[in-house]
Amino acid sequence: MVIVYGWKTNIKKEKHLGKKHCTNCSHDEDMFLAKEIFKLHIFGIPIFWKTKRRFVMCSNCGVVEELNKADYTERLKEL
């Protein structure tokens, strides 16, 4: 019997935070609230997924500022 399995890590952008100054690339760029999700799948069907980290990401250079779960949910609820 052959079992086809694999894994993948995705970055999911959840909220646009507007244009802010990036400390890495020194531009005023769009910032996003995002999270990195690890997925394990068998026969193409995801059977397990876990959020690895939560962060604010610059759309220009891709630098991230990691957040803990409480800060992430607080920023997600803000308008």
Protein backbone atom coordinates (compact mmCIF):
# COMPACT_ATOMS: atom_id res chain seq x y z
CA MET A 1 0.00 0.00 0.00
CA VAL A 2 1.30 3.45 -0.92
CA ILE A 3 0.51 6.45 1.26
CA VAL A 4 0.99 9.85 -0.33
CA TYR A 5 1.71 12.53 2.26
CA GLY A 6 3.31 15.95 2.48
CA TRP A 7 3.50 19.20 4.35
CA LYS A 8 3.36 22.86 3.52
CA THR A 9 3.81 26.19 5.28
CA ASN A 10 1.57 29.08 4.20
CA ILE A 11 1.48 32.74 5.17
CA LYS A 12 -2.06 34.01 5.59
CA LYS A 13 -2.57 37.79 5.52
CA GLU A 14 -5.50 38.52 7.81
CA LYS A 15 -5.73 42.29 8.13
CA HIS A 16 -4.40 45.36 6.31
CA LEU A 17 -2.96 47.79 8.86
CA GLY A 18 -2.47 50.68 6.43
CA LYS A 19 0.70 52.48 5.37
CA LYS A 20 3.32 52.63 8.10
CA HIS A 21 7.04 53.34 8.20
CA CYS A 22 9.16 50.18 7.91
CA THR A 23 12.32 50.24 10.01
CA ASN A 24 14.10 47.81 7.68
CA CYS A 25 13.56 49.32 4.20
CA SER A 26 12.85 52.93 5.36
CA HIS A 27 9.73 53.28 3.19
CA ASP A 28 6.13 54.04 4.04
CA GLU A 29 4.58 50.76 2.89
CA ASP A 30 1.47 48.68 3.50
CA MET A 31 1.71 46.58 6.64
CA PHE A 32 -0.28 43.39 7.15
CA LEU A 33 -1.22 41.35 10.17
CA ALA A 34 -0.37 37.78 9.17
CA LYS A 35 0.26 34.30 10.51
CA GLU A 36 2.34 31.33 9.37
CA ILE A 37 0.40 28.05 9.22
CA PHE A 38 1.94 24.57 8.98
CA LYS A 39 -0.26 21.94 7.28
CA LEU A 40 0.23 18.17 7.13
CA HIS A 41 -1.83 16.35 4.51
CA ILE A 42 -2.45 12.80 3.32
CA PHE A 43 -3.67 12.23 -0.25
CA GLY A 44 -4.05 16.02 -0.63
CA ILE A 45 -6.43 16.35 2.32
CA PRO A 46 -5.17 18.47 5.23
CA ILE A 47 -5.43 16.42 8.42
CA PHE A 48 -3.45 18.60 10.81
CA TRP A 49 -2.60 22.29 10.88
CA LYS A 50 -0.96 24.51 13.44
CA THR A 51 -0.21 28.22 13.62
CA LYS A 52 3.55 28.49 13.98
CA ARG A 53 3.90 32.23 14.52
CA ARG A 54 2.00 35.52 14.30
CA PHE A 55 3.49 38.75 13.03
CA VAL A 56 3.22 42.15 11.34
CA MET A 57 4.73 42.01 7.83
CA CYS A 58 5.98 44.74 5.46
CA SER A 59 4.68 44.32 1.90
CA ASN A 60 7.85 45.81 0.37
CA CYS A 61 10.74 43.95 2.00
CA GLY A 62 8.91 41.15 3.83
CA VAL A 63 10.48 41.84 7.22
CA VAL A 64 8.36 40.60 10.13
CA GLU A 65 7.80 41.76 13.69
CA GLU A 66 6.69 38.75 15.72
CA LEU A 67 3.75 39.07 18.12
CA ASN A 68 2.46 36.87 20.90
CA LYS A 69 -1.07 35.47 20.71
CA ALA A 70 -2.60 38.12 22.99
CA ASP A 71 -1.14 41.07 21.04
CA TYR A 72 -2.16 39.46 17.75
CA THR A 73 -5.81 39.00 18.74
CA GLU A 74 -5.90 42.54 20.20
CA ARG A 75 -4.65 44.06 16.92
CA LEU A 76 -7.01 41.85 14.92
CA LYS A 77 -10.01 43.24 16.83
CA GLU A 78 -9.00 46.89 16.34
CA LEU A 79 -10.74 48.85 13.61
